[in-house]
Protein backbone atom coordinates (compact mmCIF):
# COMPACT_ATOMS: atom_id res chain seq x y z
CA MET A 1 -19.62 -10.90 -47.91
CA LYS A 2 -22.43 -8.57 -46.85
CA CYS A 3 -23.45 -10.95 -44.03
CA ILE A 4 -20.02 -10.67 -42.42
CA HIS A 5 -19.94 -6.86 -42.41
CA ILE A 6 -23.32 -6.39 -40.69
CA PRO A 7 -22.42 -8.48 -37.57
CA LEU A 8 -19.03 -6.72 -37.34
CA LEU A 9 -20.77 -3.37 -37.62
CA LEU A 10 -23.21 -4.32 -34.84
CA ILE A 11 -20.37 -5.51 -32.61
CA GLY A 12 -18.45 -2.28 -33.25
CA MET A 13 -21.53 -0.18 -32.41
CA PHE A 14 -22.06 -2.16 -29.18
CA PHE A 15 -18.48 -1.56 -27.98
CA SER A 16 -18.65 2.11 -28.93
CA LEU A 17 -21.83 2.53 -26.91
CA LEU A 18 -20.31 0.61 -23.99
CA THR A 19 -17.22 2.86 -24.05
CA LEU A 20 -19.32 6.02 -24.07
CA CYS A 21 -21.41 4.80 -21.12
CA SER A 22 -18.30 3.90 -19.14
CA ALA A 23 -16.69 7.27 -19.83
CA LYS A 24 -19.82 9.06 -18.64
CA ASP A 25 -19.81 7.08 -15.36
CA ILE A 26 -16.14 7.89 -14.74
CA GLU A 27 -16.63 11.62 -15.31
CA GLY A 28 -19.60 11.75 -12.92
CA GLY A 29 -17.88 10.62 -9.70
CA PRO A 30 -14.58 11.11 -7.94
CA THR A 31 -11.60 9.13 -9.19
CA LEU A 32 -8.82 8.06 -6.88
CA ASN A 33 -5.75 9.07 -8.87
CA ALA A 34 -7.37 12.38 -9.88
CA ASP A 35 -7.90 13.09 -6.18
CA MET A 36 -4.35 11.96 -5.36
CA ALA A 37 -2.94 14.31 -8.00
CA LYS A 38 -4.39 17.22 -5.99
CA SER A 39 -2.08 16.37 -3.07
CA LYS A 40 1.43 17.79 -3.03
CA TYR A 41 2.65 14.22 -2.28
CA GLN A 42 0.90 12.66 -5.32
CA PRO A 43 0.93 8.92 -4.57
CA VAL A 44 -0.11 6.63 -7.43
CA VAL A 45 -2.68 4.00 -6.50
CA SER A 46 -3.91 0.90 -8.32
CA ALA A 47 -6.14 -2.05 -7.41
CA ASP A 48 -8.32 -4.62 -9.12
CA HIS A 49 -11.41 -2.80 -7.86
CA SER A 50 -11.99 0.56 -6.22
CA GLN A 51 -15.03 2.47 -5.13
CA TYR A 52 -15.63 5.72 -3.32
CA ASN A 53 -17.68 5.56 -0.12
CA GLU A 54 -19.48 8.88 0.25
CA ASP A 55 -20.51 8.09 3.84
CA ASN A 56 -16.95 8.04 5.20
CA GLY A 57 -15.04 9.79 2.39
CA LEU A 58 -12.72 6.84 1.82
CA TYR A 59 -11.71 4.98 -1.30
CA GLU A 60 -12.16 1.25 -0.72
CA LEU A 61 -9.70 -0.87 -2.70
CA THR A 62 -9.70 -4.62 -3.18
CA GLY A 63 -7.36 -7.01 -4.95
CA ASN A 64 -3.70 -6.36 -5.68
CA VAL A 65 -3.61 -2.96 -3.99
CA ARG A 66 -0.48 -0.98 -4.82
CA ILE A 67 0.39 2.50 -3.56
CA GLN A 68 3.57 4.05 -4.95
CA TYR A 69 4.86 6.93 -2.89
CA GLU A 70 8.25 8.66 -2.76
CA GLY A 71 10.43 5.65 -3.58
CA ARG A 72 8.42 3.05 -1.69
CA VAL A 73 5.55 0.77 -2.61
CA ILE A 74 2.79 -0.34 -0.25
CA THR A 75 1.04 -3.57 -1.26
CA ALA A 76 -1.96 -5.34 0.26
CA ALA A 77 -5.03 -7.39 -0.59
CA ASN A 78 -7.41 -4.67 0.65
CA ALA A 79 -7.08 -1.04 1.66
CA LYS A 80 -8.97 2.11 2.49
CA ILE A 81 -7.40 5.46 1.74
CA ASN A 82 -8.40 9.02 2.51
CA ALA A 83 -7.40 11.08 -0.52
CA THR A 84 -7.32 14.29 1.53
CA THR A 85 -5.33 13.22 4.61
CA LEU A 86 -3.43 10.38 2.87
CA GLN A 87 -4.17 7.96 5.70
CA VAL A 88 -4.10 4.30 4.63
CA TRP A 89 -5.65 1.29 6.39
CA ALA A 90 -4.69 -2.03 4.77
CA ASP A 91 -4.91 -5.74 5.46
CA GLY A 92 -4.15 -9.03 3.80
CA GLY A 93 -0.45 -9.59 3.28
CA THR A 94 0.56 -5.98 3.74
CA ALA A 95 4.05 -4.88 2.81
CA ILE A 96 6.20 -1.86 2.17
CA HIS A 97 9.07 -2.28 -0.28
CA GLU A 98 11.77 0.38 -0.19
CA GLY A 99 14.90 -0.49 -2.09
CA GLU A 100 16.36 -3.60 -0.47
CA LEU A 101 14.15 -3.14 2.63
CA ASN A 102 10.97 -5.20 2.96
CA PHE A 103 8.47 -4.61 5.76
CA THR A 104 5.58 -7.05 6.21
CA GLY A 105 2.59 -7.54 8.48
CA ASP A 106 -0.96 -8.81 8.70
CA ALA A 107 -2.32 -5.26 8.64
CA LEU A 108 -0.98 -1.72 8.51
CA TYR A 109 -1.98 1.85 9.16
CA ALA A 110 0.12 4.51 7.45
CA GLU A 111 0.14 8.28 7.49
CA LEU A 112 1.90 9.15 4.26
CA THR A 113 2.21 12.84 5.16
CA GLU A 114 3.81 11.92 8.52
CA SER A 115 6.27 9.37 7.03
CA THR A 116 5.10 6.63 9.39
CA ALA A 117 3.57 3.17 9.10
CA TRP A 118 2.38 0.87 11.89
CA PHE A 119 2.24 -2.89 11.27
CA PHE A 120 0.09 -5.27 13.29
CA GLY A 121 -0.31 -9.04 13.62
CA THR A 122 1.80 -12.01 14.51
CA ARG A 123 3.88 -11.83 11.35
CA CYS A 124 5.42 -8.35 11.36
CA GLY A 125 8.91 -8.13 10.01
CA CYS A 126 11.68 -6.07 8.51
CA GLU A 127 14.20 -7.74 6.27
CA ARG A 128 17.14 -6.90 4.05
CA PRO A 129 20.31 -8.81 3.21
CA GLY A 130 22.07 -9.69 6.48
CA LEU A 131 19.18 -8.58 8.71
CA ALA A 132 15.81 -10.02 9.71
CA ILE A 133 13.70 -8.69 12.59
CA HIS A 134 10.24 -10.04 13.45
CA SER A 135 7.78 -9.05 16.16
CA ASP A 136 4.10 -8.76 17.06
CA ASN A 137 3.94 -5.15 15.86
CA MET A 138 6.26 -2.49 14.57
CA ARG A 139 6.39 1.18 13.64
CA TYR A 140 8.55 2.44 10.78
CA ASN A 141 9.46 6.07 10.15
CA TRP A 142 10.96 6.40 6.69
CA GLN A 143 12.36 9.89 7.40
CA THR A 144 14.48 8.77 10.36
CA HIS A 145 14.84 5.14 9.24
CA ILE A 146 14.09 4.05 12.80
CA VAL A 147 11.97 0.93 13.31
CA VAL A 148 10.39 0.24 16.69
CA PHE A 149 9.44 -3.39 17.43
CA ASP A 150 7.23 -4.54 20.30
CA GLY A 151 6.00 -7.92 21.49
CA HIS A 152 7.94 -11.10 20.89
CA VAL A 153 10.93 -9.63 19.06
CA LEU A 154 13.43 -11.89 17.32
CA TRP A 155 16.26 -10.41 15.31
CA VAL A 156 18.96 -12.10 13.33
CA GLN A 157 21.87 -10.01 12.17
CA LYS A 158 24.93 -11.45 10.45
CA GLY A 159 24.09 -14.94 11.70
CA LYS A 160 23.61 -14.00 15.37
CA SER A 161 20.14 -14.09 16.92
CA ASN A 162 18.70 -12.14 19.84
CA THR A 163 15.31 -11.83 21.50
CA SER A 164 13.57 -9.11 23.50
CA SER A 165 10.16 -7.59 24.15
CA HIS A 166 11.11 -4.15 22.74
CA LEU A 167 13.69 -3.09 20.17
CA GLU A 168 14.47 0.18 18.42
CA PHE A 169 16.64 -0.30 15.36
CA ASP A 170 18.38 2.36 13.24
CA LEU A 171 18.50 1.13 9.65
CA ASN A 172 21.04 3.81 8.66
CA LYS A 173 23.52 2.77 11.36
CA ASN A 174 22.51 -0.91 11.08
CA ASP A 175 22.45 -1.09 14.87
CA VAL A 176 20.20 -1.01 17.91
CA VAL A 177 19.31 2.50 19.12
CA ARG A 178 20.89 2.94 22.55
């Protein structure tokens, strides 16, 4: 019996020491969500890995990036975020999910304080039931619910398809801005 307790005690001491060392490292440097909590907008950010780059003042996030902000969720494989200005640069399967709306692109730049996101790449799109619009790039303003599409624009609404090189679409009115 005594042989079993000594190894368990050593394992317990090892994990206690490891926890204390990790806690000390976390206290010493900036933490993303602590910095985000200082903002009046308070987005919640998670990723598989994050690190703070002191040279440029950005948090660099990799793997399953998720930014929750005022009823929408930004997802990407990688992102950089400025905790002060709330500017986000993301790439790798970027998306914004807002209720039934889904916006996708190869990369995005968003200014959370300005309510705007720009999507880039050959696979930019906005979809919801009964509506699908795809283009080379797009800009979405979540205050006005206006989406501006440029490049090879294809939109399908209620089974009818149209093409153009530029389209401004009002998601509230579910119609083209005239």
